[in-house]
Every structure is written in structure tokens, then in C-alpha cells.
Amino acid sequence: MTNEATPPAIPERPLLRGERVWLRPLEERDMPAYVAGMNDTEVGGMAGYKWPLSVAQATSWLERTLEESKSGRGFFFAVCELGDDQFIGTVWLKEVNLVDGNAELAIFMDRDHIGSGYGSDAQRAILGFAFLNLGLQRVWLTAYAANERAIRSYERLGFRHEGRLRKSWRGPRGLEDTVLMGILWDEWLQPGEAVPPRRKRSRAS
């Protein structure tokens, strides 16, 4: 039995749409805005990221994400307001495992769009992509335990607490706990909602 599956058959540059935002592939032109947000110690620090980050480092990271996207191991998107194509954040699925039906979700929004609902809308869009287009069974994420606002937003999206990793991340306040959360395909569906068609997952041979 192998531990790999055929990468999902999806458009080369998939575009996903929410109610207020749309998602497009990350591009090199997004890196200056991405770096500026990441180097905001309050925003980047509460999201669990390290700094300082240079544009060159971010561009190198972007190149790695493109390779992951080609292999089907990850899908990385820029978040834009409807009617505009300017970067306001990024959301991605990584560690995509089509055999076990799992992937990790991560998101970063710039300071001006935190608390606006754009991040939640972007996550709803990428969860639909994960469960319907990729046929995944579970999506999980980790959050800095002190980032209570983010954790509440994940709870509203349907994520459930699955564990706590004690003293697992060195943040602005020293070693801090990380919260593990996850959502299953059938938990993502709204009560009484008709089951939409979804991609059948590839099975290992």
C-alpha cells in the first residue's frame, strides 16, 4: 500500500469566491504587502509567525508554495475583496493528504481587515474547496492560545477543540501554548442542508 494519491484534478489556477472576498493564486507582486503584515509584531506575533521577514525570504517561500501546489500537497491563495484584486491577506491548505483525507488550514489577514469578517469568509471559501473539490474528511489548524479573537472566529466556523500543545511555541511573551482545532466534513454541513456533490477521494492501491 502506498501513502500517496494522485494529485486532484483541479484547474491550474483555481479561483474561489465567498460572499465578500475571492481567492486567487498568490503572486510575487503580493510579497511586499505580505511582508509588511508579517512584520507587524502585534498582528504577525498573535498569529504565531516569526519576524523579521524580508521580501527575498517571502519570495523564496512563494516559490516553494508553487511547487507544493503543482504536486497537490498544498494550495495557497491571496485574499481579495470582491471587485478588486489587491492583496488583503492569504489563506492556504498545506500538508494535504488525499489518502487520509486531511489538510492543515492557515490564514493571515492584514491589520486593516482583521475583525471585518473577510477572514471568516475566506476560510468558508477554502473549506468548501477542501471538502467539495478535494473530497477531504477533516481540516485542522493550530492557533496561538492567547489569540482568543481568532479562536472564537474558528469556533463560529465550526472548528472544535481537539487538544492543547503546552509550551510549544515561543512568542512575544515567551513559551506559550498552542491550541489544536479541527472540523469534519459532516460538521461543516449546515443542519438540514442538502448534501452537495463532492469529489471522491483517491484511494491508495
C-alpha atoms as a PDB file:
ATOM      1  CA  MET A   1       0.000   0.000   0.000  1.00  0.00           C
ATOM      2  CA  THR A   2       1.338   3.453  -0.867  1.00  0.00           C
ATOM      3  CA  ASN A   3       0.943   6.592   1.207  1.00  0.00           C
ATOM      4  CA  GLU A   4       0.460   8.851  -1.784  1.00  0.00           C
ATOM      5  CA  ALA A   5      -2.506   9.534  -4.033  1.00  0.00           C
ATOM      6  CA  THR A   6      -2.872  11.104  -7.443  1.00  0.00           C
ATOM      7  CA  PRO A   7      -2.992  14.920  -7.123  1.00  0.00           C
ATOM      8  CA  PRO A   8      -6.567  16.221  -7.503  1.00  0.00           C
ATOM      9  CA  ALA A   9      -7.740  17.202 -10.968  1.00  0.00           C
ATOM     10  CA  ILE A  10      -8.488  20.904 -10.477  1.00  0.00           C
ATOM     11  CA  PRO A  11      -7.955  23.959 -12.692  1.00  0.00           C
ATOM     12  CA  GLU A  12      -4.349  25.089 -12.949  1.00  0.00           C
ATOM     13  CA  ARG A  13      -5.224  28.438 -11.358  1.00  0.00           C
ATOM     14  CA  PRO A  14      -8.406  27.872  -9.336  1.00  0.00           C
ATOM     15  CA  LEU A  15     -10.433  30.897  -8.309  1.00  0.00           C
ATOM     16  CA  LEU A  16     -12.639  30.590  -5.238  1.00  0.00           C
ATOM     17  CA  ARG A  17     -15.345  33.029  -4.231  1.00  0.00           C
ATOM     18  CA  GLY A  18     -17.024  33.835  -0.945  1.00  0.00           C
ATOM     19  CA  GLU A  19     -19.749  36.347  -0.158  1.00  0.00           C
ATOM     20  CA  ARG A  20     -17.343  39.268   0.331  1.00  0.00           C
ATOM     21  CA  VAL A  21     -13.975  38.037  -0.912  1.00  0.00           C
ATOM     22  CA  TRP A  22     -12.474  35.972  -3.680  1.00  0.00           C
ATOM     23  CA  LEU A  23      -9.317  33.897  -3.656  1.00  0.00           C
ATOM     24  CA  ARG A  24      -6.698  33.859  -6.376  1.00  0.00           C
ATOM     25  CA  PRO A  25      -3.257  32.246  -6.542  1.00  0.00           C
ATOM     26  CA  LEU A  26      -0.534  34.061  -4.646  1.00  0.00           C
ATOM     27  CA  GLU A  27       1.829  36.033  -6.876  1.00  0.00           C
ATOM     28  CA  GLU A  28       5.198  37.705  -6.467  1.00  0.00           C
ATOM     29  CA  ARG A  29       3.538  41.150  -6.527  1.00  0.00           C
ATOM     30  CA  ASP A  30       1.789  40.222  -3.259  1.00  0.00           C
ATOM     31  CA  MET A  31       5.011  39.706  -1.329  1.00  0.00           C
ATOM     32  CA  PRO A  32       5.681  43.322  -0.219  1.00  0.00           C
ATOM     33  CA  ALA A  33       2.201  43.563   1.350  1.00  0.00           C
ATOM     34  CA  TYR A  34       2.587  40.079   2.835  1.00  0.00           C
ATOM     35  CA  VAL A  35       5.950  41.009   4.372  1.00  0.00           C
ATOM     36  CA  ALA A  36       4.598  44.283   5.771  1.00  0.00           C
ATOM     37  CA  GLY A  37       1.811  42.416   7.519  1.00  0.00           C
ATOM     38  CA  MET A  38       4.050  39.647   8.799  1.00  0.00           C
ATOM     39  CA  ASN A  39       6.478  42.192  10.248  1.00  0.00           C
ATOM     40  CA  ASP A  40       3.690  43.918  12.162  1.00  0.00           C
ATOM     41  CA  THR A  41       4.708  42.461  15.529  1.00  0.00           C
ATOM     42  CA  GLU A  42       1.214  42.659  17.022  1.00  0.00           C
ATOM     43  CA  VAL A  43      -0.584  41.085  14.066  1.00  0.00           C
ATOM     44  CA  GLY A  44       2.113  38.659  12.968  1.00  0.00           C
ATOM     45  CA  GLY A  45       3.030  37.785  16.531  1.00  0.00           C
ATOM     46  CA  MET A  46      -0.523  36.981  17.602  1.00  0.00           C
ATOM     47  CA  ALA A  47      -0.908  34.839  14.501  1.00  0.00           C
ATOM     48  CA  GLY A  48       2.104  32.816  15.577  1.00  0.00           C
ATOM     49  CA  TYR A  49       4.583  33.947  12.930  1.00  0.00           C
ATOM     50  CA  LYS A  50       8.255  34.797  13.322  1.00  0.00           C
ATOM     51  CA  TRP A  51       9.872  38.023  12.201  1.00  0.00           C
ATOM     52  CA  PRO A  52      11.610  39.930  10.766  1.00  0.00           C
ATOM     53  CA  LEU A  53      10.842  38.646   7.278  1.00  0.00           C
ATOM     54  CA  SER A  54      12.396  40.049   4.102  1.00  0.00           C
ATOM     55  CA  VAL A  55      10.835  40.244   0.648  1.00  0.00           C
ATOM     56  CA  ALA A  56      13.563  37.881  -0.596  1.00  0.00           C
ATOM     57  CA  GLN A  57      12.640  35.314   2.074  1.00  0.00           C
ATOM     58  CA  ALA A  58       8.952  35.664   1.241  1.00  0.00           C
ATOM     59  CA  THR A  59       9.650  35.229  -2.472  1.00  0.00           C
ATOM     60  CA  SER A  60      11.633  32.061  -1.729  1.00  0.00           C
ATOM     61  CA  TRP A  61       8.677  30.805   0.322  1.00  0.00           C
ATOM     62  CA  LEU A  62       6.344  31.638  -2.585  1.00  0.00           C
ATOM     63  CA  GLU A  63       8.475  29.527  -4.928  1.00  0.00           C
ATOM     64  CA  ARG A  64       8.173  26.578  -2.553  1.00  0.00           C
ATOM     65  CA  THR A  65       4.400  27.012  -2.374  1.00  0.00           C
ATOM     66  CA  LEU A  66       4.193  26.844  -6.172  1.00  0.00           C
ATOM     67  CA  GLU A  67       5.988  23.503  -6.102  1.00  0.00           C
ATOM     68  CA  GLU A  68       3.616  22.239  -3.418  1.00  0.00           C
ATOM     69  CA  SER A  69       0.635  23.391  -5.475  1.00  0.00           C
ATOM     70  CA  LYS A  70       1.897  21.549  -8.555  1.00  0.00           C
ATOM     71  CA  SER A  71       2.242  18.334  -6.551  1.00  0.00           C
ATOM     72  CA  GLY A  72      -1.153  18.685  -4.862  1.00  0.00           C
ATOM     73  CA  ARG A  73       0.413  18.896  -1.384  1.00  0.00           C
ATOM     74  CA  GLY A  74      -0.710  22.470  -0.815  1.00  0.00           C
ATOM     75  CA  PHE A  75      -2.959  25.218  -2.177  1.00  0.00           C
ATOM     76  CA  PHE A  76      -2.058  28.849  -1.445  1.00  0.00           C
ATOM     77  CA  PHE A  77      -4.314  31.818  -2.155  1.00  0.00           C
ATOM     78  CA  ALA A  78      -4.327  35.590  -1.890  1.00  0.00           C
ATOM     79  CA  VAL A  79      -7.489  37.012  -0.325  1.00  0.00           C
ATOM     80  CA  CYS A  80      -9.029  39.960  -2.207  1.00  0.00           C
ATOM     81  CA  GLU A  81     -12.197  41.979  -1.772  1.00  0.00           C
ATOM     82  CA  LEU A  82     -14.856  41.299  -4.400  1.00  0.00           C
ATOM     83  CA  GLY A  83     -14.350  43.677  -7.302  1.00  0.00           C
ATOM     84  CA  ASP A  84     -10.664  44.186  -6.543  1.00  0.00           C
ATOM     85  CA  ASP A  85      -7.500  42.120  -6.928  1.00  0.00           C
ATOM     86  CA  GLN A  86      -5.376  43.767  -4.231  1.00  0.00           C
ATOM     87  CA  PHE A  87      -3.902  41.512  -1.563  1.00  0.00           C
ATOM     88  CA  ILE A  88      -5.525  41.855   1.878  1.00  0.00           C
ATOM     89  CA  GLY A  89      -4.437  38.519   3.290  1.00  0.00           C
ATOM     90  CA  THR A  90      -3.604  34.941   2.484  1.00  0.00           C
ATOM     91  CA  VAL A  91      -5.213  31.591   3.243  1.00  0.00           C
ATOM     92  CA  TRP A  92      -3.907  28.169   2.409  1.00  0.00           C
ATOM     93  CA  LEU A  93      -4.198  24.425   2.803  1.00  0.00           C
ATOM     94  CA  LYS A  94      -0.949  22.574   3.435  1.00  0.00           C
ATOM     95  CA  GLU A  95       0.088  19.045   4.333  1.00  0.00           C
ATOM     96  CA  VAL A  96      -2.716  17.849   2.054  1.00  0.00           C
ATOM     97  CA  ASN A  97      -3.082  14.076   2.436  1.00  0.00           C
ATOM     98  CA  LEU A  98      -5.600  12.659  -0.021  1.00  0.00           C
ATOM     99  CA  VAL A  99      -5.277   9.130   1.332  1.00  0.00           C
ATOM    100  CA  ASP A 100      -6.274  10.005   4.887  1.00  0.00           C
ATOM    101  CA  GLY A 101      -8.392  12.963   3.754  1.00  0.00           C
ATOM    102  CA  ASN A 102      -6.688  15.577   5.935  1.00  0.00           C
ATOM    103  CA  ALA A 103      -5.156  19.018   5.464  1.00  0.00           C
ATOM    104  CA  GLU A 104      -3.973  21.890   7.637  1.00  0.00           C
ATOM    105  CA  LEU A 105      -5.520  25.341   7.198  1.00  0.00           C
ATOM    106  CA  ALA A 106      -3.677  28.595   7.887  1.00  0.00           C
ATOM    107  CA  ILE A 107      -4.686  32.207   7.395  1.00  0.00           C
ATOM    108  CA  PHE A 108      -3.165  35.659   7.718  1.00  0.00           C
ATOM    109  CA  MET A 109      -5.061  38.933   7.286  1.00  0.00           C
ATOM    110  CA  ASP A 110      -3.547  42.409   7.282  1.00  0.00           C
ATOM    111  CA  ARG A 111      -4.278  44.764  10.166  1.00  0.00           C
ATOM    112  CA  ASP A 112      -6.888  46.819   8.284  1.00  0.00           C
ATOM    113  CA  HIS A 113      -9.056  43.764   7.626  1.00  0.00           C
ATOM    114  CA  ILE A 114      -8.898  41.935  10.965  1.00  0.00           C
ATOM    115  CA  GLY A 115     -12.305  41.713  12.619  1.00  0.00           C
ATOM    116  CA  SER A 116     -14.106  42.692   9.412  1.00  0.00           C
ATOM    117  CA  GLY A 117     -15.445  39.232   8.568  1.00  0.00           C
ATOM    118  CA  TYR A 118     -13.242  38.937   5.484  1.00  0.00           C
ATOM    119  CA  GLY A 119     -11.052  36.294   7.103  1.00  0.00           C
ATOM    120  CA  SER A 120     -14.012  34.121   8.067  1.00  0.00           C
ATOM    121  CA  ASP A 121     -15.436  34.462   4.563  1.00  0.00           C
ATOM    122  CA  ALA A 122     -12.093  33.408   3.070  1.00  0.00           C
ATOM    123  CA  GLN A 123     -11.972  30.386   5.350  1.00  0.00           C
ATOM    124  CA  ARG A 124     -15.500  29.353   4.424  1.00  0.00           C
ATOM    125  CA  ALA A 125     -14.483  29.513   0.755  1.00  0.00           C
ATOM    126  CA  ILE A 126     -11.372  27.388   1.230  1.00  0.00           C
ATOM    127  CA  LEU A 127     -13.236  24.890   3.425  1.00  0.00           C
ATOM    128  CA  GLY A 128     -15.706  24.418   0.581  1.00  0.00           C
ATOM    129  CA  PHE A 129     -12.762  23.799  -1.729  1.00  0.00           C
ATOM    130  CA  ALA A 130     -11.277  21.307   0.740  1.00  0.00           C
ATOM    131  CA  PHE A 131     -14.441  19.308   1.314  1.00  0.00           C
ATOM    132  CA  LEU A 132     -16.122  19.530  -2.100  1.00  0.00           C
ATOM    133  CA  ASN A 133     -13.286  19.853  -4.626  1.00  0.00           C
ATOM    134  CA  LEU A 134     -10.643  17.806  -2.831  1.00  0.00           C
ATOM    135  CA  GLY A 135     -13.037  15.434  -1.071  1.00  0.00           C
ATOM    136  CA  LEU A 136     -11.261  15.764   2.279  1.00  0.00           C
ATOM    137  CA  GLN A 137     -12.702  14.392   5.505  1.00  0.00           C
ATOM    138  CA  ARG A 138     -11.021  16.688   8.035  1.00  0.00           C
ATOM    139  CA  VAL A 139      -9.347  20.097   8.092  1.00  0.00           C
ATOM    140  CA  TRP A 140      -7.332  21.168  11.109  1.00  0.00           C
ATOM    141  CA  LEU A 141      -5.436  24.218  12.318  1.00  0.00           C
ATOM    142  CA  THR A 142      -3.374  25.465  15.221  1.00  0.00           C
ATOM    143  CA  ALA A 143      -3.745  28.787  16.990  1.00  0.00           C
ATOM    144  CA  TYR A 144      -1.651  30.689  19.487  1.00  0.00           C
ATOM    145  CA  ALA A 145      -3.612  30.107  22.732  1.00  0.00           C
ATOM    146  CA  ALA A 146      -3.547  33.795  23.682  1.00  0.00           C
ATOM    147  CA  ASN A 147      -5.171  34.756  20.363  1.00  0.00           C
ATOM    148  CA  GLU A 148      -8.682  34.485  21.764  1.00  0.00           C
ATOM    149  CA  ARG A 149     -10.288  36.518  18.980  1.00  0.00           C
ATOM    150  CA  ALA A 150      -9.013  34.107  16.327  1.00  0.00           C
ATOM    151  CA  ILE A 151     -10.069  31.075  18.361  1.00  0.00           C
ATOM    152  CA  ARG A 152     -13.605  32.447  18.733  1.00  0.00           C
ATOM    153  CA  SER A 153     -13.792  33.003  14.970  1.00  0.00           C
ATOM    154  CA  TYR A 154     -12.687  29.404  14.338  1.00  0.00           C
ATOM    155  CA  GLU A 155     -15.349  28.171  16.762  1.00  0.00           C
ATOM    156  CA  ARG A 156     -18.021  30.129  14.880  1.00  0.00           C
ATOM    157  CA  LEU A 157     -16.888  28.424  11.665  1.00  0.00           C
ATOM    158  CA  GLY A 158     -17.491  25.038  13.297  1.00  0.00           C
ATOM    159  CA  PHE A 159     -13.972  24.086  14.379  1.00  0.00           C
ATOM    160  CA  ARG A 160     -13.813  22.037  17.562  1.00  0.00           C
ATOM    161  CA  HIS A 161     -11.059  21.921  20.143  1.00  0.00           C
ATOM    162  CA  GLU A 162      -9.027  18.742  19.738  1.00  0.00           C
ATOM    163  CA  GLY A 163      -6.092  19.362  22.038  1.00  0.00           C
ATOM    164  CA  ARG A 164      -3.612  21.747  23.573  1.00  0.00           C
ATOM    165  CA  LEU A 165       0.129  21.667  22.967  1.00  0.00           C
ATOM    166  CA  ARG A 166       1.722  23.080  26.099  1.00  0.00           C
ATOM    167  CA  LYS A 167       4.661  25.483  25.836  1.00  0.00           C
ATOM    168  CA  SER A 168       5.024  24.587  22.174  1.00  0.00           C
ATOM    169  CA  TRP A 169       5.659  27.995  20.617  1.00  0.00           C
ATOM    170  CA  ARG A 170       7.952  30.863  21.588  1.00  0.00           C
ATOM    171  CA  GLY A 171       6.029  34.068  21.109  1.00  0.00           C
ATOM    172  CA  PRO A 172       6.329  37.665  22.305  1.00  0.00           C
ATOM    173  CA  ARG A 173       5.557  36.568  25.875  1.00  0.00           C
ATOM    174  CA  GLY A 174       7.905  33.603  25.944  1.00  0.00           C
ATOM    175  CA  LEU A 175       6.907  29.956  25.604  1.00  0.00           C
ATOM    176  CA  GLU A 176       3.156  29.697  25.058  1.00  0.00           C
ATOM    177  CA  ASP A 177       0.545  27.010  24.472  1.00  0.00           C
ATOM    178  CA  THR A 178      -0.869  26.190  21.051  1.00  0.00           C
ATOM    179  CA  VAL A 179      -4.482  25.106  20.556  1.00  0.00           C
ATOM    180  CA  LEU A 180      -5.294  22.333  18.068  1.00  0.00           C
ATOM    181  CA  MET A 181      -8.706  22.573  16.380  1.00  0.00           C
ATOM    182  CA  GLY A 182     -10.403  20.616  13.611  1.00  0.00           C
ATOM    183  CA  ILE A 183     -13.595  20.335  11.593  1.00  0.00           C
ATOM    184  CA  LEU A 184     -15.002  17.277   9.825  1.00  0.00           C
ATOM    185  CA  TRP A 185     -16.830  17.175   6.515  1.00  0.00           C
ATOM    186  CA  ASP A 186     -20.191  16.344   8.108  1.00  0.00           C
ATOM    187  CA  GLU A 187     -19.714  19.061  10.754  1.00  0.00           C
ATOM    188  CA  TRP A 188     -19.119  21.619   8.019  1.00  0.00           C
ATOM    189  CA  LEU A 189     -22.582  20.985   6.546  1.00  0.00           C
ATOM    190  CA  GLN A 190     -25.348  23.137   7.976  1.00  0.00           C
ATOM    191  CA  PRO A 191     -28.205  21.280   9.757  1.00  0.00           C
ATOM    192  CA  GLY A 192     -30.846  20.306   7.228  1.00  0.00           C
ATOM    193  CA  GLU A 193     -28.668  21.313   4.286  1.00  0.00           C
ATOM    194  CA  ALA A 194     -28.791  19.049   1.241  1.00  0.00           C
ATOM    195  CA  VAL A 195     -25.522  17.210   0.767  1.00  0.00           C
ATOM    196  CA  PRO A 196     -23.762  18.865  -2.206  1.00  0.00           C
ATOM    197  CA  PRO A 197     -21.855  16.774  -4.734  1.00  0.00           C
ATOM    198  CA  ARG A 198     -18.242  16.300  -3.752  1.00  0.00           C
ATOM    199  CA  ARG A 199     -15.142  14.790  -5.288  1.00  0.00           C
ATOM    200  CA  LYS A 200     -14.468  11.184  -4.383  1.00  0.00           C
ATOM    201  CA  ARG A 201     -11.103  10.817  -2.724  1.00  0.00           C
ATOM    202  CA  SER A 202      -8.427   8.724  -4.377  1.00  0.00           C
ATOM    203  CA  ARG A 203      -7.579   5.525  -2.551  1.00  0.00           C
ATOM    204  CA  ALA A 204      -4.152   4.068  -2.095  1.00  0.00           C
ATOM    205  CA  SER A 205      -3.510   0.976  -4.120  1.00  0.00           C
END
